[in-house]
């Protein structure tokens, strides 16, 4: 799933985060400058998500530990560099049932 634009990214994250405690780590970005106003990057990531036992996610878990990559596109505006789109791919996910 690709999410484009800051408003859509904020809406997606706010809607999916709910009442969870989340820890995210971004590591070693590989950023490629495509033009004066465009770039793309890949960030290695690790995340840990915890939810109350009596309020599991819509997928049924209360604990998730995953590894993967964020794939992002950036655009430079007058106000500076901004994320244009982001996509998360996962290499490994451990979660309770």
PDB file of N, CA and C in Angstrom:
ATOM      1  N   UNK A   1       0.836  -1.181   0.000  1.00  0.00           N
ATOM      2  CA  UNK A   1       0.000   0.000   0.000  1.00  0.00           C
ATOM      3  C   UNK A   1       0.878   1.240   0.000  1.00  0.00           C
ATOM      4  N   UNK A   2       0.693   2.110  -0.954  1.00  0.00           N
ATOM      5  CA  UNK A   2       1.401   3.386  -1.005  1.00  0.00           C
ATOM      6  C   UNK A   2       0.503   4.462  -0.409  1.00  0.00           C
ATOM      7  N   UNK A   3       1.104   5.348   0.367  1.00  0.00           N
ATOM      8  CA  UNK A   3       0.377   6.464   0.951  1.00  0.00           C
ATOM      9  C   UNK A   3       1.053   7.732   0.447  1.00  0.00           C
ATOM     10  N   UNK A   4       0.289   8.612  -0.190  1.00  0.00           N
ATOM     11  CA  UNK A   4       0.844   9.821  -0.799  1.00  0.00           C
ATOM     12  C   UNK A   4       0.319  11.069  -0.107  1.00  0.00           C
ATOM     13  N   UNK A   5       1.213  12.030   0.101  1.00  0.00           N
ATOM     14  CA  UNK A   5       0.836  13.327   0.644  1.00  0.00           C
ATOM     15  C   UNK A   5       0.797  13.349   2.158  1.00  0.00           C
ATOM     16  N   UNK A   6       1.220  14.466   2.713  1.00  0.00           N
ATOM     17  CA  UNK A   6       1.340  14.572   4.172  1.00  0.00           C
ATOM     18  C   UNK A   6       0.004  14.365   4.874  1.00  0.00           C
ATOM     19  N   UNK A   7      -1.076  14.897   4.334  1.00  0.00           N
ATOM     20  CA  UNK A   7      -2.379  14.733   4.981  1.00  0.00           C
ATOM     21  C   UNK A   7      -2.798  13.265   5.016  1.00  0.00           C
ATOM     22  N   UNK A   8      -2.566  12.548   3.908  1.00  0.00           N
ATOM     23  CA  UNK A   8      -2.909  11.129   3.862  1.00  0.00           C
ATOM     24  C   UNK A   8      -2.008  10.298   4.767  1.00  0.00           C
ATOM     25  N   UNK A   9      -0.736  10.647   4.842  1.00  0.00           N
ATOM     26  CA  UNK A   9       0.193   9.927   5.724  1.00  0.00           C
ATOM     27  C   UNK A   9      -0.230  10.104   7.175  1.00  0.00           C
ATOM     28  N   UNK A  10      -0.541  11.346   7.570  1.00  0.00           N
ATOM     29  CA  UNK A  10      -0.975  11.603   8.945  1.00  0.00           C
ATOM     30  C   UNK A  10      -2.278  10.876   9.261  1.00  0.00           C
ATOM     31  N   UNK A  11      -3.210  10.879   8.322  1.00  0.00           N
ATOM     32  CA  UNK A  11      -4.497  10.198   8.520  1.00  0.00           C
ATOM     33  C   UNK A  11      -4.285   8.689   8.667  1.00  0.00           C
ATOM     34  N   UNK A  12      -3.450   8.108   7.825  1.00  0.00           N
ATOM     35  CA  UNK A  12      -3.184   6.670   7.885  1.00  0.00           C
ATOM     36  C   UNK A  12      -2.526   6.282   9.208  1.00  0.00           C
ATOM     37  N   UNK A  13      -1.490   7.014   9.591  1.00  0.00           N
ATOM     38  CA  UNK A  13      -0.771   6.693  10.831  1.00  0.00           C
ATOM     39  C   UNK A  13      -1.679   6.886  12.040  1.00  0.00           C
ATOM     40  N   UNK A  14      -2.417   7.990  12.082  1.00  0.00           N
ATOM     41  CA  UNK A  14      -3.323   8.238  13.209  1.00  0.00           C
ATOM     42  C   UNK A  14      -4.399   7.167  13.316  1.00  0.00           C
ATOM     43  N   UNK A  15      -4.950   6.760  12.188  1.00  0.00           N
ATOM     44  CA  UNK A  15      -6.011   5.756  12.187  1.00  0.00           C
ATOM     45  C   UNK A  15      -5.525   4.372  12.541  1.00  0.00           C
ATOM     46  N   UNK A  16      -4.300   4.030  12.155  1.00  0.00           N
ATOM     47  CA  UNK A  16      -3.803   2.678  12.424  1.00  0.00           C
ATOM     48  C   UNK A  16      -3.084   2.574  13.760  1.00  0.00           C
ATOM     49  N   UNK A  17      -2.657   3.696  14.326  1.00  0.00           N
ATOM     50  CA  UNK A  17      -1.909   3.652  15.587  1.00  0.00           C
ATOM     51  C   UNK A  17      -2.818   3.436  16.785  1.00  0.00           C
ATOM     52  N   UNK A  18      -4.000   4.043  16.758  1.00  0.00           N
ATOM     53  CA  UNK A  18      -4.970   3.836  17.831  1.00  0.00           C
ATOM     54  C   UNK A  18      -4.375   3.983  19.219  1.00  0.00           C
ATOM     55  N   UNK A  19      -4.555   2.965  20.032  1.00  0.00           N
ATOM     56  CA  UNK A  19      -4.091   3.011  21.417  1.00  0.00           C
ATOM     57  C   UNK A  19      -2.820   2.195  21.628  1.00  0.00           C
ATOM     58  N   UNK A  20      -2.061   1.975  20.578  1.00  0.00           N
ATOM     59  CA  UNK A  20      -0.848   1.176  20.707  1.00  0.00           C
ATOM     60  C   UNK A  20       0.338   1.998  21.186  1.00  0.00           C
ATOM     61  N   UNK A  21       1.274   1.313  21.813  1.00  0.00           N
ATOM     62  CA  UNK A  21       2.578   1.885  22.127  1.00  0.00           C
ATOM     63  C   UNK A  21       3.507   1.387  21.031  1.00  0.00           C
ATOM     64  N   UNK A  22       4.168   2.303  20.358  1.00  0.00           N
ATOM     65  CA  UNK A  22       4.947   1.959  19.174  1.00  0.00           C
ATOM     66  C   UNK A  22       6.365   2.495  19.301  1.00  0.00           C
ATOM     67  N   UNK A  23       7.325   1.657  18.958  1.00  0.00           N
ATOM     68  CA  UNK A  23       8.724   2.068  18.891  1.00  0.00           C
ATOM     69  C   UNK A  23       9.216   1.766  17.478  1.00  0.00           C
ATOM     70  N   UNK A  24       9.711   2.783  16.798  1.00  0.00           N
ATOM     71  CA  UNK A  24      10.224   2.618  15.434  1.00  0.00           C
ATOM     72  C   UNK A  24      11.676   3.084  15.374  1.00  0.00           C
ATOM     73  N   UNK A  25      12.473   2.327  14.646  1.00  0.00           N
ATOM     74  CA  UNK A  25      13.869   2.690  14.411  1.00  0.00           C
ATOM     75  C   UNK A  25      14.105   2.739  12.909  1.00  0.00           C
ATOM     76  N   UNK A  26      14.692   3.825  12.431  1.00  0.00           N
ATOM     77  CA  UNK A  26      15.119   3.932  11.039  1.00  0.00           C
ATOM     78  C   UNK A  26      16.635   3.913  11.008  1.00  0.00           C
ATOM     79  N   UNK A  27      17.204   3.092  10.138  1.00  0.00           N
ATOM     80  CA  UNK A  27      18.657   2.894  10.101  1.00  0.00           C
ATOM     81  C   UNK A  27      19.201   3.106   8.692  1.00  0.00           C
ATOM     82  N   UNK A  28      20.367   3.644   8.610  1.00  0.00           N
ATOM     83  CA  UNK A  28      21.198   3.680   7.404  1.00  0.00           C
ATOM     84  C   UNK A  28      20.431   4.020   6.127  1.00  0.00           C
ATOM     85  N   UNK A  29      19.972   5.254   5.988  1.00  0.00           N
ATOM     86  CA  UNK A  29      19.240   5.599   4.769  1.00  0.00           C
ATOM     87  C   UNK A  29      20.142   5.556   3.537  1.00  0.00           C
ATOM     88  N   UNK A  30      19.583   5.132   2.442  1.00  0.00           N
ATOM     89  CA  UNK A  30      20.233   5.196   1.133  1.00  0.00           C
ATOM     90  C   UNK A  30      19.390   6.169   0.318  1.00  0.00           C
ATOM     91  N   UNK A  31      19.873   7.411   0.185  1.00  0.00           N
ATOM     92  CA  UNK A  31      19.094   8.469  -0.456  1.00  0.00           C
ATOM     93  C   UNK A  31      19.749   8.840  -1.783  1.00  0.00           C
ATOM     94  N   UNK A  32      18.942   8.868  -2.834  1.00  0.00           N
ATOM     95  CA  UNK A  32      19.416   9.202  -4.171  1.00  0.00           C
ATOM     96  C   UNK A  32      18.766  10.512  -4.607  1.00  0.00           C
ATOM     97  N   UNK A  33      19.596  11.495  -4.941  1.00  0.00           N
ATOM     98  CA  UNK A  33      19.105  12.772  -5.456  1.00  0.00           C
ATOM     99  C   UNK A  33      18.801  12.586  -6.940  1.00  0.00           C
ATOM    100  N   UNK A  34      17.549  12.799  -7.321  1.00  0.00           N
ATOM    101  CA  UNK A  34      17.120  12.587  -8.703  1.00  0.00           C
ATOM    102  C   UNK A  34      17.143  13.865  -9.528  1.00  0.00           C
ATOM    103  N   UNK A  35      16.929  14.999  -8.864  1.00  0.00           N
ATOM    104  CA  UNK A  35      16.923  16.306  -9.524  1.00  0.00           C
ATOM    105  C   UNK A  35      17.114  17.366  -8.447  1.00  0.00           C
ATOM    106  N   UNK A  36      17.065  18.638  -8.842  1.00  0.00           N
ATOM    107  CA  UNK A  36      17.191  19.706  -7.857  1.00  0.00           C
ATOM    108  C   UNK A  36      16.060  19.673  -6.830  1.00  0.00           C
ATOM    109  N   UNK A  37      14.912  19.121  -7.210  1.00  0.00           N
ATOM    110  CA  UNK A  37      13.739  19.146  -6.337  1.00  0.00           C
ATOM    111  C   UNK A  37      13.139  17.768  -6.058  1.00  0.00           C
ATOM    112  N   UNK A  38      13.855  16.707  -6.359  1.00  0.00           N
ATOM    113  CA  UNK A  38      13.316  15.371  -6.135  1.00  0.00           C
ATOM    114  C   UNK A  38      14.380  14.391  -5.681  1.00  0.00           C
ATOM    115  N   UNK A  39      13.975  13.467  -4.833  1.00  0.00           N
ATOM    116  CA  UNK A  39      14.892  12.439  -4.347  1.00  0.00           C
ATOM    117  C   UNK A  39      14.066  11.227  -3.919  1.00  0.00           C
ATOM    118  N   UNK A  40      14.744  10.104  -3.730  1.00  0.00           N
ATOM    119  CA  UNK A  40      14.096   8.918  -3.180  1.00  0.00           C
ATOM    120  C   UNK A  40      15.057   8.269  -2.197  1.00  0.00           C
ATOM    121  N   UNK A  41      14.482   7.536  -1.272  1.00  0.00           N
ATOM    122  CA  UNK A  41      15.314   6.914  -0.257  1.00  0.00           C
ATOM    123  C   UNK A  41      14.738   5.595   0.223  1.00  0.00           C
ATOM    124  N   UNK A  42      15.619   4.754   0.729  1.00  0.00           N
ATOM    125  CA  UNK A  42      15.239   3.497   1.367  1.00  0.00           C
ATOM    126  C   UNK A  42      15.886   3.494   2.748  1.00  0.00           C
ATOM    127  N   UNK A  43      15.061   3.247   3.757  1.00  0.00           N
ATOM    128  CA  UNK A  43      15.519   3.200   5.140  1.00  0.00           C
ATOM    129  C   UNK A  43      15.279   1.803   5.697  1.00  0.00           C
ATOM    130  N   UNK A  44      16.309   1.157   6.223  1.00  0.00           N
ATOM    131  CA  UNK A  44      16.092  -0.078   6.976  1.00  0.00           C
ATOM    132  C   UNK A  44      15.335   0.297   8.244  1.00  0.00           C
ATOM    133  N   UNK A  45      14.400  -0.561   8.668  1.00  0.00           N
ATOM    134  CA  UNK A  45      13.589  -0.224   9.837  1.00  0.00           C
ATOM    135  C   UNK A  45      13.347  -1.443  10.713  1.00  0.00           C
ATOM    136  N   UNK A  46      13.072  -1.147  11.974  1.00  0.00           N
ATOM    137  CA  UNK A  46      12.623  -2.135  12.958  1.00  0.00           C
ATOM    138  C   UNK A  46      11.516  -1.479  13.756  1.00  0.00           C
ATOM    139  N   UNK A  47      10.457  -2.218  14.050  1.00  0.00           N
ATOM    140  CA  UNK A  47       9.402  -1.655  14.878  1.00  0.00           C
ATOM    141  C   UNK A  47       8.872  -2.683  15.867  1.00  0.00           C
ATOM    142  N   UNK A  48       8.372  -2.159  16.964  1.00  0.00           N
ATOM    143  CA  UNK A  48       7.734  -2.960  18.000  1.00  0.00           C
ATOM    144  C   UNK A  48       6.417  -2.264  18.323  1.00  0.00           C
ATOM    145  N   UNK A  49       5.317  -3.009  18.234  1.00  0.00           N
ATOM    146  CA  UNK A  49       3.990  -2.467  18.505  1.00  0.00           C
ATOM    147  C   UNK A  49       3.367  -3.263  19.640  1.00  0.00           C
ATOM    148  N   UNK A  50       2.816  -2.562  20.627  1.00  0.00           N
ATOM    149  CA  UNK A  50       2.135  -3.212  21.753  1.00  0.00           C
ATOM    150  C   UNK A  50       0.765  -2.570  21.941  1.00  0.00           C
ATOM    151  N   UNK A  51      -0.237  -3.422  22.146  1.00  0.00           N
ATOM    152  CA  UNK A  51      -1.600  -2.956  22.401  1.00  0.00           C
ATOM    153  C   UNK A  51      -2.102  -3.606  23.677  1.00  0.00           C
ATOM    154  N   UNK A  52      -3.099  -2.992  24.328  1.00  0.00           N
ATOM    155  CA  UNK A  52      -3.675  -3.611  25.520  1.00  0.00           C
ATOM    156  C   UNK A  52      -4.230  -5.002  25.186  1.00  0.00           C
ATOM    157  N   UNK A  53      -4.086  -5.941  26.108  1.00  0.00           N
ATOM    158  CA  UNK A  53      -4.545  -7.327  25.898  1.00  0.00           C
ATOM    159  C   UNK A  53      -6.029  -7.388  25.545  1.00  0.00           C
ATOM    160  N   UNK A  54      -6.820  -6.495  26.109  1.00  0.00           N
ATOM    161  CA  UNK A  54      -8.257  -6.523  25.850  1.00  0.00           C
ATOM    162  C   UNK A  54      -8.676  -5.678  24.644  1.00  0.00           C
ATOM    163  N   UNK A  55      -7.682  -5.110  23.923  1.00  0.00           N
ATOM    164  CA  UNK A  55      -7.971  -4.290  22.751  1.00  0.00           C
ATOM    165  C   UNK A  55      -6.991  -4.618  21.623  1.00  0.00           C
ATOM    166  N   UNK A  56      -7.051  -5.835  21.080  1.00  0.00           N
ATOM    167  CA  UNK A  56      -6.115  -6.216  20.021  1.00  0.00           C
ATOM    168  C   UNK A  56      -6.323  -5.389  18.753  1.00  0.00           C
ATOM    169  N   UNK A  57      -5.356  -5.444  17.858  1.00  0.00           N
ATOM    170  CA  UNK A  57      -5.468  -4.759  16.568  1.00  0.00           C
ATOM    171  C   UNK A  57      -6.584  -5.399  15.753  1.00  0.00           C
ATOM    172  N   UNK A  58      -6.925  -4.770  14.652  1.00  0.00           N
ATOM    173  CA  UNK A  58      -7.955  -5.338  13.782  1.00  0.00           C
ATOM    174  C   UNK A  58      -7.500  -6.677  13.197  1.00  0.00           C
ATOM    175  N   UNK A  59      -6.195  -6.965  13.286  1.00  0.00           N
ATOM    176  CA  UNK A  59      -5.653  -8.233  12.790  1.00  0.00           C
ATOM    177  C   UNK A  59      -5.528  -9.274  13.900  1.00  0.00           C
ATOM    178  N   UNK A  60      -5.898  -8.898  15.136  1.00  0.00           N
ATOM    179  CA  UNK A  60      -5.936  -9.849  16.237  1.00  0.00           C
ATOM    180  C   UNK A  60      -4.710  -9.918  17.129  1.00  0.00           C
ATOM    181  N   UNK A  61      -3.657  -9.186  16.842  1.00  0.00           N
ATOM    182  CA  UNK A  61      -2.459  -9.255  17.681  1.00  0.00           C
ATOM    183  C   UNK A  61      -2.432  -8.122  18.703  1.00  0.00           C
ATOM    184  N   UNK A  62      -1.691  -8.368  19.793  1.00  0.00           N
ATOM    185  CA  UNK A  62      -1.421  -7.312  20.781  1.00  0.00           C
ATOM    186  C   UNK A  62       0.074  -7.018  20.870  1.00  0.00           C
ATOM    187  N   UNK A  63       0.887  -7.793  20.135  1.00  0.00           N
ATOM    188  CA  UNK A  63       2.334  -7.583  20.087  1.00  0.00           C
ATOM    189  C   UNK A  63       2.827  -7.899  18.686  1.00  0.00           C
ATOM    190  N   UNK A  64       3.637  -7.003  18.136  1.00  0.00           N
ATOM    191  CA  UNK A  64       4.249  -7.217  16.826  1.00  0.00           C
ATOM    192  C   UNK A  64       5.668  -6.678  16.870  1.00  0.00           C
ATOM    193  N   UNK A  65       6.613  -7.448  16.338  1.00  0.00           N
ATOM    194  CA  UNK A  65       8.009  -7.037  16.203  1.00  0.00           C
ATOM    195  C   UNK A  65       8.399  -7.336  14.766  1.00  0.00           C
ATOM    196  N   UNK A  66       8.773  -6.303  14.014  1.00  0.00           N
ATOM    197  CA  UNK A  66       9.056  -6.499  12.599  1.00  0.00           C
ATOM    198  C   UNK A  66      10.312  -5.792  12.128  1.00  0.00           C
ATOM    199  N   UNK A  67      10.780  -6.238  10.966  1.00  0.00           N
ATOM    200  CA  UNK A  67      11.946  -5.664  10.296  1.00  0.00           C
ATOM    201  C   UNK A  67      11.601  -5.480   8.826  1.00  0.00           C
ATOM    202  N   UNK A  68      12.112  -4.438   8.216  1.00  0.00           N
ATOM    203  CA  UNK A  68      11.864  -4.229   6.798  1.00  0.00           C
ATOM    204  C   UNK A  68      12.473  -2.934   6.306  1.00  0.00           C
ATOM    205  N   UNK A  69      11.779  -2.296   5.366  1.00  0.00           N
ATOM    206  CA  UNK A  69      12.288  -1.067   4.748  1.00  0.00           C
ATOM    207  C   UNK A  69      11.165  -0.072   4.491  1.00  0.00           C
ATOM    208  N   UNK A  70      11.480   1.198   4.681  1.00  0.00           N
ATOM    209  CA  UNK A  70      10.626   2.281   4.214  1.00  0.00           C
ATOM    210  C   UNK A  70      11.182   2.726   2.859  1.00  0.00           C
ATOM    211  N   UNK A  71      10.306   2.820   1.862  1.00  0.00           N
ATOM    212  CA  UNK A  71      10.657   3.311   0.535  1.00  0.00           C
ATOM    213  C   UNK A  71       9.951   4.658   0.393  1.00  0.00           C
ATOM    214  N   UNK A  72      10.731   5.718   0.227  1.00  0.00           N
ATOM    215  CA  UNK A  72      10.137   7.054   0.239  1.00  0.00           C
ATOM    216  C   UNK A  72      10.548   7.862  -0.980  1.00  0.00           C
ATOM    217  N   UNK A  73       9.671   8.766  -1.363  1.00  0.00           N
ATOM    218  CA  UNK A  73       9.956   9.769  -2.381  1.00  0.00           C
ATOM    219  C   UNK A  73       9.858  11.133  -1.710  1.00  0.00           C
ATOM    220  N   UNK A  74      10.799  12.011  -2.068  1.00  0.00           N
ATOM    221  CA  UNK A  74      10.878  13.330  -1.455  1.00  0.00           C
ATOM    222  C   UNK A  74      10.750  14.406  -2.522  1.00  0.00           C
ATOM    223  N   UNK A  75      10.221  15.547  -2.109  1.00  0.00           N
ATOM    224  CA  UNK A  75      10.106  16.704  -2.988  1.00  0.00           C
ATOM    225  C   UNK A  75      10.574  17.936  -2.206  1.00  0.00           C
ATOM    226  N   UNK A  76      11.280  18.824  -2.899  1.00  0.00           N
ATOM    227  CA  UNK A  76      11.705  20.064  -2.251  1.00  0.00           C
ATOM    228  C   UNK A  76      10.715  21.163  -2.593  1.00  0.00           C
ATOM    229  N   UNK A  77      10.169  21.760  -1.557  1.00  0.00           N
ATOM    230  CA  UNK A  77       9.245  22.877  -1.684  1.00  0.00           C
ATOM    231  C   UNK A  77       9.942  24.136  -1.179  1.00  0.00           C
ATOM    232  N   UNK A  78       9.261  25.251  -1.243  1.00  0.00           N
ATOM    233  CA  UNK A  78       9.838  26.494  -0.698  1.00  0.00           C
ATOM    234  C   UNK A  78      10.171  26.348   0.788  1.00  0.00           C
ATOM    235  N   UNK A  79       9.355  25.561   1.486  1.00  0.00           N
ATOM    236  CA  UNK A  79       9.548  25.372   2.931  1.00  0.00           C
ATOM    237  C   UNK A  79      10.610  24.320   3.259  1.00  0.00           C
ATOM    238  N   UNK A  80      11.162  23.639   2.241  1.00  0.00           N
ATOM    239  CA  UNK A  80      12.203  22.643   2.463  1.00  0.00           C
ATOM    240  C   UNK A  80      11.804  21.279   1.913  1.00  0.00           C
ATOM    241  N   UNK A  81      12.609  20.264   2.178  1.00  0.00           N
ATOM    242  CA  UNK A  81      12.362  18.909   1.707  1.00  0.00           C
ATOM    243  C   UNK A  81      11.213  18.284   2.493  1.00  0.00           C
ATOM    244  N   UNK A  82      10.324  17.597   1.787  1.00  0.00           N
ATOM    245  CA  UNK A  82       9.169  16.948   2.397  1.00  0.00           C
ATOM    246  C   UNK A  82       9.006  15.537   1.826  1.00  0.00           C
ATOM    247  N   UNK A  83       8.397  14.653   2.616  1.00  0.00           N
ATOM    248  CA  UNK A  83       8.080  13.315   2.131  1.00  0.00           C
ATOM    249  C   UNK A  83       6.874  13.428   1.203  1.00  0.00           C
ATOM    250  N   UNK A  84       7.023  12.949  -0.012  1.00  0.00           N
ATOM    251  CA  UNK A  84       5.934  12.950  -0.981  1.00  0.00           C
ATOM    252  C   UNK A  84       5.115  11.663  -0.875  1.00  0.00           C
ATOM    253  N   UNK A  85       5.798  10.532  -0.708  1.00  0.00           N
ATOM    254  CA  UNK A  85       5.108   9.256  -0.539  1.00  0.00           C
ATOM    255  C   UNK A  85       5.996   8.310   0.271  1.00  0.00           C
ATOM    256  N   UNK A  86       5.352   7.339   0.899  1.00  0.00           N
ATOM    257  CA  UNK A  86       6.090   6.355   1.678  1.00  0.00           C
ATOM    258  C   UNK A  86       5.406   4.999   1.551  1.00  0.00           C
ATOM    259  N   UNK A  87       6.208   3.936   1.600  1.00  0.00           N
ATOM    260  CA  UNK A  87       5.692   2.565   1.528  1.00  0.00           C
ATOM    261  C   UNK A  87       6.548   1.699   2.442  1.00  0.00           C
ATOM    262  N   UNK A  88       5.917   0.850   3.204  1.00  0.00           N
ATOM    263  CA  UNK A  88       6.627  -0.053   4.115  1.00  0.00           C
ATOM    264  C   UNK A  88       6.577  -1.466   3.556  1.00  0.00           C
ATOM    265  N   UNK A  89       7.736  -2.085   3.428  1.00  0.00           N
ATOM    266  CA  UNK A  89       7.810  -3.504   3.093  1.00  0.00           C
ATOM    267  C   UNK A  89       8.448  -4.213   4.270  1.00  0.00           C
ATOM    268  N   UNK A  90       7.991  -5.412   4.550  1.00  0.00           N
ATOM    269  CA  UNK A  90       8.491  -6.152   5.705  1.00  0.00           C
ATOM    270  C   UNK A  90       9.235  -7.407   5.263  1.00  0.00           C
ATOM    271  N   UNK A  91      10.364  -7.668   5.933  1.00  0.00           N
ATOM    272  CA  UNK A  91      11.144  -8.875   5.696  1.00  0.00           C
ATOM    273  C   UNK A  91      10.796  -9.964   6.700  1.00  0.00           C
ATOM    274  N   UNK A  92      10.430  -9.550   7.908  1.00  0.00           N
ATOM    275  CA  UNK A  92      10.149 -10.502   8.985  1.00  0.00           C
ATOM    276  C   UNK A  92       9.164  -9.859   9.942  1.00  0.00           C
ATOM    277  N   UNK A  93       8.199 -10.634  10.409  1.00  0.00           N
ATOM    278  CA  UNK A  93       7.238 -10.174  11.416  1.00  0.00           C
ATOM    279  C   UNK A  93       7.021 -11.293  12.426  1.00  0.00           C
ATOM    280  N   UNK A  94       7.159 -10.947  13.685  1.00  0.00           N
ATOM    281  CA  UNK A  94       6.823 -11.860  14.775  1.00  0.00           C
ATOM    282  C   UNK A  94       5.676 -11.218  15.550  1.00  0.00           C
ATOM    283  N   UNK A  95       4.612 -11.975  15.783  1.00  0.00           N
ATOM    284  CA  UNK A  95       3.495 -11.438  16.544  1.00  0.00           C
ATOM    285  C   UNK A  95       2.794 -12.563  17.289  1.00  0.00           C
ATOM    286  N   UNK A  96       2.087 -12.165  18.327  1.00  0.00           N
ATOM    287  CA  UNK A  96       1.289 -13.160  19.042  1.00  0.00           C
ATOM    288  C   UNK A  96      -0.025 -13.369  18.302  1.00  0.00           C
ATOM    289  N   UNK A  97      -0.649 -14.490  18.565  1.00  0.00           N
ATOM    290  CA  UNK A  97      -1.905 -14.800  17.865  1.00  0.00           C
ATOM    291  C   UNK A  97      -3.105 -14.363  18.661  1.00  0.00           C
TER     292      UNK A  97
END
